[in-house]
Amino acid sequence: MMDQTELALGEREFERIRERLYDVAGISLSDAKRTLVIARLSKIVRGMRLPSFDAYLDYLETRGTPDDAQDFVNALTTNLTRFWREEHHFTHLVDYVGDLIKSRTTQSSKRLRIWSAGCSTGQEPYTIALSLLDAWPDLKRWDFKILATDIDTSVIAKAAAGLYPDSELNGLSPERARLFERTSDGRVRIPQGVASLVSFKPLNLMAPQWPMRGPFDAIFCRNVAIYFDKPTQGEVFGRLGHILAPGGFLYIGHSENLGAGSTGFRLVGKTIYQSRVERAKDAA
């Protein structure tokens, strides 16, 4: 059997890990994350039968595959989420989409696009779909799609399955709980008519170019930027502003602010910003 004593994480090794994660994903690890790093990466290091974190980093830099690189990122990302988290965002979204429905009266204008950036295990984009279809059933006849992305490929796979433990419904009203299907093994499932609206894709927000071009009527990027430093936050929020439709809304986390990326936005509610930027000429 392998030695199960705790792997030591030296200062230089920790700095190498921090630099790699920042370079690859834009995520800034604080000193307080040392214990998390040891716990999560130790499993990988032991599984590869490597003697140290240094040896693991050397492997990634010289012989590692794209899957190895993704495993590194997956291990160090945090995926705390739940259905109807920060409920006021969904209340605002329902009202906003109601206004869009009234204004988009022709068949060609009945297009709705929403992006959940940093979707984790799927509760956020599914809440968007459940909330909107429950309030506005006519959206079933619209060209309505939700893009859901995350840098962590393991949570994307879980999200796409649309299956959750029954405990996910704890705290929800009976009316909301009835929007889910029950399975024979005691889990809950996202109904197919809802799940079909959501496309899950892996995406690194630090990529030089994003494959989608928009425009999006609304973007949820909540509790993602808290892992970025200030310059990176400003860059990401600025890019989001240019892929939003003029007048579209950006929803961010309760402890976040736009900082240097606030140009072109106006604050309209608690962590809700409206775009007043004309879209880039090359967008489609």
C-alpha atoms as a PDB file:
ATOM      1  CA  MET A   1       0.000   0.000   0.000  1.00  0.00           C
ATOM      2  CA  MET A   2       1.073   3.601  -0.596  1.00  0.00           C
ATOM      3  CA  ASP A   3       2.233   5.770   2.267  1.00  0.00           C
ATOM      4  CA  GLN A   4      -0.801   7.691   3.526  1.00  0.00           C
ATOM      5  CA  THR A   5       1.082  10.310   5.547  1.00  0.00           C
ATOM      6  CA  GLU A   6       0.120  13.859   4.601  1.00  0.00           C
ATOM      7  CA  LEU A   7       2.110  15.347   1.765  1.00  0.00           C
ATOM      8  CA  ALA A   8       4.025  18.455   2.758  1.00  0.00           C
ATOM      9  CA  LEU A   9       3.400  21.617   0.740  1.00  0.00           C
ATOM     10  CA  GLY A  10       6.379  23.934   0.763  1.00  0.00           C
ATOM     11  CA  GLU A  11       6.205  27.653   0.089  1.00  0.00           C
ATOM     12  CA  ARG A  12       7.814  27.325  -3.329  1.00  0.00           C
ATOM     13  CA  GLU A  13       5.454  24.515  -4.310  1.00  0.00           C
ATOM     14  CA  PHE A  14       2.441  26.510  -3.162  1.00  0.00           C
ATOM     15  CA  GLU A  15       3.621  29.499  -5.189  1.00  0.00           C
ATOM     16  CA  ARG A  16       4.033  27.305  -8.268  1.00  0.00           C
ATOM     17  CA  ILE A  17       0.477  26.027  -7.836  1.00  0.00           C
ATOM     18  CA  ARG A  18      -0.835  29.571  -7.397  1.00  0.00           C
ATOM     19  CA  GLU A  19       0.975  30.796 -10.490  1.00  0.00           C
ATOM     20  CA  ARG A  20      -0.257  27.914 -12.631  1.00  0.00           C
ATOM     21  CA  LEU A  21      -3.885  28.327 -11.560  1.00  0.00           C
ATOM     22  CA  TYR A  22      -3.726  32.075 -12.179  1.00  0.00           C
ATOM     23  CA  ASP A  23      -2.112  31.650 -15.601  1.00  0.00           C
ATOM     24  CA  VAL A  24      -4.577  28.981 -16.701  1.00  0.00           C
ATOM     25  CA  ALA A  25      -7.851  30.133 -15.118  1.00  0.00           C
ATOM     26  CA  GLY A  26      -7.309  33.654 -13.758  1.00  0.00           C
ATOM     27  CA  ILE A  27      -8.038  32.380 -10.234  1.00  0.00           C
ATOM     28  CA  SER A  28      -6.080  33.939  -7.366  1.00  0.00           C
ATOM     29  CA  LEU A  29      -5.448  31.579  -4.451  1.00  0.00           C
ATOM     30  CA  SER A  30      -4.989  33.225  -1.058  1.00  0.00           C
ATOM     31  CA  ASP A  31      -2.738  31.854   1.681  1.00  0.00           C
ATOM     32  CA  ALA A  32      -5.902  30.679   3.435  1.00  0.00           C
ATOM     33  CA  LYS A  33      -6.388  28.075   0.683  1.00  0.00           C
ATOM     34  CA  ARG A  34      -3.293  26.029   1.563  1.00  0.00           C
ATOM     35  CA  THR A  35      -5.305  23.374   3.392  1.00  0.00           C
ATOM     36  CA  LEU A  36      -7.744  23.098   0.480  1.00  0.00           C
ATOM     37  CA  VAL A  37      -4.874  22.730  -1.991  1.00  0.00           C
ATOM     38  CA  ILE A  38      -3.262  19.956   0.063  1.00  0.00           C
ATOM     39  CA  ALA A  39      -6.540  18.079   0.479  1.00  0.00           C
ATOM     40  CA  ARG A  40      -7.608  18.245  -3.146  1.00  0.00           C
ATOM     41  CA  LEU A  41      -4.312  17.813  -4.967  1.00  0.00           C
ATOM     42  CA  SER A  42      -2.970  15.112  -2.653  1.00  0.00           C
ATOM     43  CA  LYS A  43      -5.517  12.674  -4.082  1.00  0.00           C
ATOM     44  CA  ILE A  44      -4.220  13.277  -7.588  1.00  0.00           C
ATOM     45  CA  VAL A  45      -0.548  13.168  -6.586  1.00  0.00           C
ATOM     46  CA  ARG A  46      -1.010   9.875  -4.736  1.00  0.00           C
ATOM     47  CA  GLY A  47      -3.097   8.426  -7.545  1.00  0.00           C
ATOM     48  CA  MET A  48      -0.243   9.127  -9.956  1.00  0.00           C
ATOM     49  CA  ARG A  49       2.251   7.642  -7.462  1.00  0.00           C
ATOM     50  CA  LEU A  50       4.324  10.790  -7.417  1.00  0.00           C
ATOM     51  CA  PRO A  51       6.432  11.689  -4.365  1.00  0.00           C
ATOM     52  CA  SER A  52       5.637  15.405  -4.031  1.00  0.00           C
ATOM     53  CA  PHE A  53       3.697  18.382  -5.324  1.00  0.00           C
ATOM     54  CA  ASP A  54       6.852  19.534  -7.085  1.00  0.00           C
ATOM     55  CA  ALA A  55       7.016  16.255  -8.984  1.00  0.00           C
ATOM     56  CA  TYR A  56       3.358  16.651  -9.943  1.00  0.00           C
ATOM     57  CA  LEU A  57       3.917  20.176 -11.252  1.00  0.00           C
ATOM     58  CA  ASP A  58       6.998  19.039 -13.166  1.00  0.00           C
ATOM     59  CA  TYR A  59       4.877  16.319 -14.749  1.00  0.00           C
ATOM     60  CA  LEU A  60       2.161  18.796 -15.762  1.00  0.00           C
ATOM     61  CA  GLU A  61       4.705  21.127 -17.309  1.00  0.00           C
ATOM     62  CA  THR A  62       6.645  18.495 -19.256  1.00  0.00           C
ATOM     63  CA  ARG A  63       4.461  15.454 -19.967  1.00  0.00           C
ATOM     64  CA  GLY A  64       0.956  16.280 -18.852  1.00  0.00           C
ATOM     65  CA  THR A  65      -1.986  15.763 -21.201  1.00  0.00           C
ATOM     66  CA  PRO A  66      -4.885  18.199 -21.651  1.00  0.00           C
ATOM     67  CA  ASP A  67      -6.923  15.894 -19.394  1.00  0.00           C
ATOM     68  CA  ASP A  68      -4.252  16.147 -16.695  1.00  0.00           C
ATOM     69  CA  ALA A  69      -4.329  19.941 -16.976  1.00  0.00           C
ATOM     70  CA  GLN A  70      -8.120  19.921 -16.681  1.00  0.00           C
ATOM     71  CA  ASP A  71      -7.975  17.659 -13.606  1.00  0.00           C
ATOM     72  CA  PHE A  72      -5.720  20.233 -11.939  1.00  0.00           C
ATOM     73  CA  VAL A  73      -8.250  23.017 -12.539  1.00  0.00           C
ATOM     74  CA  ASN A  74     -11.236  20.851 -11.589  1.00  0.00           C
ATOM     75  CA  ALA A  75      -9.627  19.977  -8.268  1.00  0.00           C
ATOM     76  CA  LEU A  76      -9.101  23.603  -7.265  1.00  0.00           C
ATOM     77  CA  THR A  77     -12.423  25.168  -8.258  1.00  0.00           C
ATOM     78  CA  THR A  78     -15.284  25.608  -5.799  1.00  0.00           C
ATOM     79  CA  ASN A  79     -18.857  24.712  -6.718  1.00  0.00           C
ATOM     80  CA  LEU A  80     -21.236  25.958  -4.049  1.00  0.00           C
ATOM     81  CA  THR A  81     -24.704  26.524  -5.489  1.00  0.00           C
ATOM     82  CA  ARG A  82     -28.402  25.816  -4.965  1.00  0.00           C
ATOM     83  CA  PHE A  83     -31.746  26.365  -6.645  1.00  0.00           C
ATOM     84  CA  TRP A  84     -33.110  29.938  -6.424  1.00  0.00           C
ATOM     85  CA  ARG A  85     -29.921  31.218  -4.810  1.00  0.00           C
ATOM     86  CA  GLU A  86     -30.147  35.026  -4.454  1.00  0.00           C
ATOM     87  CA  GLU A  87     -33.843  34.928  -5.252  1.00  0.00           C
ATOM     88  CA  HIS A  88     -34.194  38.618  -6.065  1.00  0.00           C
ATOM     89  CA  HIS A  89     -32.285  38.048  -9.299  1.00  0.00           C
ATOM     90  CA  PHE A  90     -34.902  35.619 -10.583  1.00  0.00           C
ATOM     91  CA  THR A  91     -37.749  37.925  -9.556  1.00  0.00           C
ATOM     92  CA  HIS A  92     -36.130  40.719 -11.566  1.00  0.00           C
ATOM     93  CA  LEU A  93     -35.462  38.396 -14.524  1.00  0.00           C
ATOM     94  CA  VAL A  94     -39.095  37.238 -14.666  1.00  0.00           C
ATOM     95  CA  ASP A  95     -40.327  40.849 -14.734  1.00  0.00           C
ATOM     96  CA  TYR A  96     -37.729  41.828 -17.351  1.00  0.00           C
ATOM     97  CA  VAL A  97     -38.620  38.931 -19.637  1.00  0.00           C
ATOM     98  CA  GLY A  98     -42.288  39.818 -19.225  1.00  0.00           C
ATOM     99  CA  ASP A  99     -41.482  43.246 -20.645  1.00  0.00           C
ATOM    100  CA  LEU A 100     -39.562  41.632 -23.529  1.00  0.00           C
ATOM    101  CA  ILE A 101     -42.532  39.408 -24.333  1.00  0.00           C
ATOM    102  CA  LYS A 102     -44.768  42.478 -24.591  1.00  0.00           C
ATOM    103  CA  SER A 103     -42.308  44.302 -26.866  1.00  0.00           C
ATOM    104  CA  ARG A 104     -41.283  41.396 -29.114  1.00  0.00           C
ATOM    105  CA  THR A 105     -44.553  40.840 -30.910  1.00  0.00           C
ATOM    106  CA  THR A 106     -43.472  39.454 -34.306  1.00  0.00           C
ATOM    107  CA  GLN A 107     -42.369  35.866 -34.830  1.00  0.00           C
ATOM    108  CA  SER A 108     -38.919  36.967 -35.988  1.00  0.00           C
ATOM    109  CA  SER A 109     -38.384  38.971 -32.788  1.00  0.00           C
ATOM    110  CA  LYS A 110     -39.347  36.150 -30.428  1.00  0.00           C
ATOM    111  CA  ARG A 111     -35.749  35.293 -29.583  1.00  0.00           C
ATOM    112  CA  LEU A 112     -34.426  35.046 -26.021  1.00  0.00           C
ATOM    113  CA  ARG A 113     -30.850  34.205 -25.061  1.00  0.00           C
ATOM    114  CA  ILE A 114     -29.493  33.918 -21.523  1.00  0.00           C
ATOM    115  CA  TRP A 115     -26.014  32.887 -20.389  1.00  0.00           C
ATOM    116  CA  SER A 116     -25.140  31.322 -17.052  1.00  0.00           C
ATOM    117  CA  ALA A 117     -21.371  31.841 -16.794  1.00  0.00           C
ATOM    118  CA  GLY A 118     -19.945  29.692 -14.013  1.00  0.00           C
ATOM    119  CA  CYS A 119     -22.971  27.407 -13.886  1.00  0.00           C
ATOM    120  CA  SER A 120     -21.437  24.785 -11.555  1.00  0.00           C
ATOM    121  CA  THR A 121     -23.698  21.721 -11.222  1.00  0.00           C
ATOM    122  CA  GLY A 122     -26.591  23.352 -13.041  1.00  0.00           C
ATOM    123  CA  GLN A 123     -28.893  24.735 -10.364  1.00  0.00           C
ATOM    124  CA  GLU A 124     -28.582  28.293 -11.667  1.00  0.00           C
ATOM    125  CA  PRO A 125     -29.471  27.754 -15.354  1.00  0.00           C
ATOM    126  CA  TYR A 126     -32.211  25.297 -14.441  1.00  0.00           C
ATOM    127  CA  THR A 127     -33.664  27.835 -12.002  1.00  0.00           C
ATOM    128  CA  ILE A 128     -33.665  30.382 -14.831  1.00  0.00           C
ATOM    129  CA  ALA A 129     -35.548  27.987 -17.103  1.00  0.00           C
ATOM    130  CA  LEU A 130     -37.983  26.793 -14.422  1.00  0.00           C
ATOM    131  CA  SER A 131     -38.776  30.340 -13.287  1.00  0.00           C
ATOM    132  CA  LEU A 132     -39.361  31.713 -16.764  1.00  0.00           C
ATOM    133  CA  LEU A 133     -41.433  28.832 -18.100  1.00  0.00           C
ATOM    134  CA  ASP A 134     -43.566  28.822 -14.962  1.00  0.00           C
ATOM    135  CA  ALA A 135     -44.240  32.564 -15.262  1.00  0.00           C
ATOM    136  CA  TRP A 136     -44.430  32.761 -19.058  1.00  0.00           C
ATOM    137  CA  PRO A 137     -45.550  29.438 -20.624  1.00  0.00           C
ATOM    138  CA  ASP A 138     -45.654  31.087 -24.070  1.00  0.00           C
ATOM    139  CA  LEU A 139     -41.848  30.952 -24.094  1.00  0.00           C
ATOM    140  CA  LYS A 140     -42.208  27.296 -25.149  1.00  0.00           C
ATOM    141  CA  ARG A 141     -43.069  28.671 -28.582  1.00  0.00           C
ATOM    142  CA  TRP A 142     -40.160  31.115 -28.652  1.00  0.00           C
ATOM    143  CA  ASP A 143     -36.609  30.706 -29.889  1.00  0.00           C
ATOM    144  CA  PHE A 144     -35.495  30.489 -26.269  1.00  0.00           C
ATOM    145  CA  LYS A 145     -32.111  29.063 -25.280  1.00  0.00           C
ATOM    146  CA  ILE A 146     -29.873  29.152 -22.208  1.00  0.00           C
ATOM    147  CA  LEU A 147     -26.118  28.699 -22.471  1.00  0.00           C
ATOM    148  CA  ALA A 148     -24.498  27.303 -19.317  1.00  0.00           C
ATOM    149  CA  THR A 149     -20.709  27.216 -19.026  1.00  0.00           C
ATOM    150  CA  ASP A 150     -18.097  26.368 -16.437  1.00  0.00           C
ATOM    151  CA  ILE A 151     -14.357  25.795 -16.430  1.00  0.00           C
ATOM    152  CA  ASP A 152     -14.817  22.592 -14.390  1.00  0.00           C
ATOM    153  CA  THR A 153     -15.690  19.743 -16.754  1.00  0.00           C
ATOM    154  CA  SER A 154     -16.732  17.419 -13.925  1.00  0.00           C
ATOM    155  CA  VAL A 155     -19.557  19.717 -12.781  1.00  0.00           C
ATOM    156  CA  ILE A 156     -20.674  20.250 -16.371  1.00  0.00           C
ATOM    157  CA  ALA A 157     -21.201  16.494 -16.692  1.00  0.00           C
ATOM    158  CA  LYS A 158     -23.262  16.402 -13.492  1.00  0.00           C
ATOM    159  CA  ALA A 159     -25.321  19.386 -14.576  1.00  0.00           C
ATOM    160  CA  ALA A 160     -26.144  17.920 -17.978  1.00  0.00           C
ATOM    161  CA  ALA A 161     -27.606  14.821 -16.316  1.00  0.00           C
ATOM    162  CA  GLY A 162     -30.250  16.958 -14.599  1.00  0.00           C
ATOM    163  CA  LEU A 163     -30.501  14.603 -11.605  1.00  0.00           C
ATOM    164  CA  TYR A 164     -30.233  15.752  -7.988  1.00  0.00           C
ATOM    165  CA  PRO A 165     -30.726  14.329  -4.497  1.00  0.00           C
ATOM    166  CA  ASP A 166     -34.116  15.047  -2.956  1.00  0.00           C
ATOM    167  CA  SER A 167     -32.367  17.246  -0.377  1.00  0.00           C
ATOM    168  CA  GLU A 168     -31.850  19.885  -3.100  1.00  0.00           C
ATOM    169  CA  LEU A 169     -35.506  20.817  -2.659  1.00  0.00           C
ATOM    170  CA  ASN A 170     -35.122  21.583   1.056  1.00  0.00           C
ATOM    171  CA  GLY A 171     -36.379  25.090   1.742  1.00  0.00           C
ATOM    172  CA  LEU A 172     -38.278  25.438  -1.522  1.00  0.00           C
ATOM    173  CA  SER A 173     -41.985  26.219  -1.487  1.00  0.00           C
ATOM    174  CA  PRO A 174     -44.386  23.392  -2.439  1.00  0.00           C
ATOM    175  CA  GLU A 175     -45.175  25.313  -5.637  1.00  0.00           C
ATOM    176  CA  ARG A 176     -41.526  25.296  -6.680  1.00  0.00           C
ATOM    177  CA  ALA A 177     -40.936  21.716  -5.584  1.00  0.00           C
ATOM    178  CA  ARG A 178     -43.745  20.618  -7.897  1.00  0.00           C
ATOM    179  CA  LEU A 179     -41.780  21.922 -10.883  1.00  0.00           C
ATOM    180  CA  PHE A 180     -39.427  18.930 -10.548  1.00  0.00           C
ATOM    181  CA  GLU A 181     -40.016  15.284 -11.428  1.00  0.00           C
ATOM    182  CA  ARG A 182     -39.459  12.467  -8.923  1.00  0.00           C
ATOM    183  CA  THR A 183     -37.497   9.358  -9.831  1.00  0.00           C
ATOM    184  CA  SER A 184     -38.042   5.838  -8.548  1.00  0.00           C
ATOM    185  CA  ASP A 185     -34.739   5.915  -6.632  1.00  0.00           C
ATOM    186  CA  GLY A 186     -35.703   8.949  -4.547  1.00  0.00           C
ATOM    187  CA  ARG A 187     -33.994  11.641  -6.577  1.00  0.00           C
ATOM    188  CA  VAL A 188     -35.450  14.621  -8.410  1.00  0.00           C
ATOM    189  CA  ARG A 189     -35.086  15.310 -12.112  1.00  0.00           C
ATOM    190  CA  ILE A 190     -35.337  18.370 -14.312  1.00  0.00           C
ATOM    191  CA  PRO A 191     -38.262  17.848 -16.723  1.00  0.00           C
ATOM    192  CA  GLN A 192     -37.183  17.246 -20.312  1.00  0.00           C
ATOM    193  CA  GLY A 193     -39.028  20.318 -21.594  1.00  0.00           C
ATOM    194  CA  VAL A 194     -36.928  22.438 -19.255  1.00  0.00           C
ATOM    195  CA  ALA A 195     -33.630  20.594 -19.658  1.00  0.00           C
ATOM    196  CA  SER A 196     -33.836  20.852 -23.452  1.00  0.00           C
ATOM    197  CA  LEU A 197     -33.546  24.640 -23.203  1.00  0.00           C
ATOM    198  CA  VAL A 198     -30.119  24.482 -21.563  1.00  0.00           C
ATOM    199  CA  SER A 199     -26.854  23.721 -23.369  1.00  0.00           C
ATOM    200  CA  PHE A 200     -23.908  22.925 -21.100  1.00  0.00           C
ATOM    201  CA  LYS A 201     -20.435  23.692 -22.432  1.00  0.00           C
ATOM    202  CA  PRO A 202     -16.958  23.882 -20.864  1.00  0.00           C
ATOM    203  CA  LEU A 203     -15.501  27.378 -21.037  1.00  0.00           C
ATOM    204  CA  ASN A 204     -12.532  29.152 -19.512  1.00  0.00           C
ATOM    205  CA  LEU A 205     -13.452  32.823 -19.124  1.00  0.00           C
ATOM    206  CA  MET A 206      -9.758  33.625 -19.519  1.00  0.00           C
ATOM    207  CA  ALA A 207      -9.714  32.262 -23.082  1.00  0.00           C
ATOM    208  CA  PRO A 208      -8.531  34.940 -25.555  1.00  0.00           C
ATOM    209  CA  GLN A 209     -11.727  34.465 -27.555  1.00  0.00           C
ATOM    210  CA  TRP A 210     -15.130  33.122 -26.566  1.00  0.00           C
ATOM    211  CA  PRO A 211     -16.896  30.873 -29.081  1.00  0.00           C
ATOM    212  CA  MET A 212     -20.270  32.553 -28.534  1.00  0.00           C
ATOM    213  CA  ARG A 213     -20.970  35.972 -29.981  1.00  0.00           C
ATOM    214  CA  GLY A 214     -24.366  36.885 -28.572  1.00  0.00           C
ATOM    215  CA  PRO A 215     -26.177  39.067 -28.072  1.00  0.00           C
ATOM    216  CA  PHE A 216     -27.454  37.823 -24.718  1.00  0.00           C
ATOM    217  CA  ASP A 217     -30.504  39.426 -23.166  1.00  0.00           C
ATOM    218  CA  ALA A 218     -29.213  38.528 -19.697  1.00  0.00           C
ATOM    219  CA  ILE A 219     -26.015  37.113 -18.221  1.00  0.00           C
ATOM    220  CA  PHE A 220     -25.603  35.542 -14.809  1.00  0.00           C
ATOM    221  CA  CYS A 221     -21.976  35.632 -13.634  1.00  0.00           C
ATOM    222  CA  ARG A 222     -22.396  35.204  -9.905  1.00  0.00           C
ATOM    223  CA  ASN A 223     -19.756  34.315  -7.354  1.00  0.00           C
ATOM    224  CA  VAL A 224     -17.205  33.722 -10.101  1.00  0.00           C
ATOM    225  CA  ALA A 225     -15.235  36.967 -10.038  1.00  0.00           C
ATOM    226  CA  ILE A 226     -14.546  36.605  -6.301  1.00  0.00           C
ATOM    227  CA  TYR A 227     -11.782  34.188  -7.303  1.00  0.00           C
ATOM    228  CA  PHE A 228     -10.153  36.752  -9.636  1.00  0.00           C
ATOM    229  CA  ASP A 229      -7.920  39.674  -8.767  1.00  0.00           C
ATOM    230  CA  LYS A 230      -9.132  43.215  -9.478  1.00  0.00           C
ATOM    231  CA  PRO A 231      -7.596  43.599 -12.973  1.00  0.00           C
ATOM    232  CA  THR A 232      -9.008  40.234 -14.063  1.00  0.00           C
ATOM    233  CA  GLN A 233     -12.441  41.124 -12.670  1.00  0.00           C
ATOM    234  CA  GLY A 234     -12.482  44.338 -14.671  1.00  0.00           C
ATOM    235  CA  GLU A 235     -11.440  42.527 -17.839  1.00  0.00           C
ATOM    236  CA  VAL A 236     -14.110  39.828 -17.514  1.00  0.00           C
ATOM    237  CA  PHE A 237     -16.959  42.190 -16.664  1.00  0.00           C
ATOM    238  CA  GLY A 238     -15.940  44.470 -19.520  1.00  0.00           C
ATOM    239  CA  ARG A 239     -16.070  41.564 -21.976  1.00  0.00           C
ATOM    240  CA  LEU A 240     -19.460  40.524 -20.645  1.00  0.00           C
ATOM    241  CA  GLY A 241     -20.749  44.029 -21.233  1.00  0.00           C
ATOM    242  CA  HIS A 242     -19.871  43.822 -24.918  1.00  0.00           C
ATOM    243  CA  ILE A 243     -21.701  40.547 -25.443  1.00  0.00           C
ATOM    244  CA  LEU A 244     -24.889  41.766 -23.740  1.00  0.00           C
ATOM    245  CA  ALA A 245     -27.671  43.229 -25.840  1.00  0.00           C
ATOM    246  CA  PRO A 246     -28.073  46.981 -25.294  1.00  0.00           C
ATOM    247  CA  GLY A 247     -30.346  47.297 -22.285  1.00  0.00           C
ATOM    248  CA  GLY A 248     -29.642  43.711 -21.203  1.00  0.00           C
ATOM    249  CA  PHE A 249     -28.907  42.802 -17.605  1.00  0.00           C
ATOM    250  CA  LEU A 250     -25.879  41.389 -15.804  1.00  0.00           C
ATOM    251  CA  TYR A 251     -26.434  39.611 -12.487  1.00  0.00           C
ATOM    252  CA  ILE A 252     -23.400  39.211 -10.199  1.00  0.00           C
ATOM    253  CA  GLY A 253     -22.779  37.768  -6.731  1.00  0.00           C
ATOM    254  CA  HIS A 254     -23.805  39.458  -3.492  1.00  0.00           C
ATOM    255  CA  SER A 255     -20.188  40.146  -2.480  1.00  0.00           C
ATOM    256  CA  GLU A 256     -19.004  41.320  -5.904  1.00  0.00           C
ATOM    257  CA  ASN A 257     -18.830  44.656  -7.715  1.00  0.00           C
ATOM    258  CA  LEU A 258     -17.866  45.550 -11.270  1.00  0.00           C
ATOM    259  CA  GLY A 259     -14.837  47.662 -10.351  1.00  0.00           C
ATOM    260  CA  ALA A 260     -12.888  48.632 -13.462  1.00  0.00           C
ATOM    261  CA  GLY A 261     -15.434  46.782 -15.599  1.00  0.00           C
ATOM    262  CA  SER A 262     -18.277  49.122 -14.661  1.00  0.00           C
ATOM    263  CA  THR A 263     -17.910  51.349 -17.736  1.00  0.00           C
ATOM    264  CA  GLY A 264     -21.028  50.975 -19.836  1.00  0.00           C
ATOM    265  CA  PHE A 265     -23.209  49.655 -16.999  1.00  0.00           C
ATOM    266  CA  ARG A 266     -25.617  51.315 -14.631  1.00  0.00           C
ATOM    267  CA  LEU A 267     -26.635  49.828 -11.295  1.00  0.00           C
ATOM    268  CA  VAL A 268     -30.389  49.202 -11.232  1.00  0.00           C
ATOM    269  CA  GLY A 269     -30.776  46.957  -8.175  1.00  0.00           C
ATOM    270  CA  LYS A 270     -28.877  44.901  -5.661  1.00  0.00           C
ATOM    271  CA  THR A 271     -26.033  43.361  -7.736  1.00  0.00           C
ATOM    272  CA  ILE A 272     -28.058  43.924 -10.933  1.00  0.00           C
ATOM    273  CA  TYR A 273     -26.532  46.008 -13.715  1.00  0.00           C
ATOM    274  CA  GLN A 274     -27.976  47.151 -17.027  1.00  0.00           C
ATOM    275  CA  SER A 275     -25.860  47.464 -20.143  1.00  0.00           C
ATOM    276  CA  ARG A 276     -25.754  50.794 -21.956  1.00  0.00           C
ATOM    277  CA  VAL A 277     -22.924  49.786 -24.288  1.00  0.00           C
ATOM    278  CA  GLU A 278     -23.431  49.414 -28.017  1.00  0.00           C
ATOM    279  CA  ARG A 279     -22.380  45.966 -29.143  1.00  0.00           C
ATOM    280  CA  ALA A 280     -19.075  45.425 -30.854  1.00  0.00           C
ATOM    281  CA  LYS A 281     -19.288  45.763 -34.652  1.00  0.00           C
ATOM    282  CA  ASP A 282     -18.069  42.201 -35.279  1.00  0.00           C
ATOM    283  CA  ALA A 283     -20.690  40.580 -33.038  1.00  0.00           C
ATOM    284  CA  ALA A 284     -23.511  38.613 -34.590  1.00  0.00           C
END
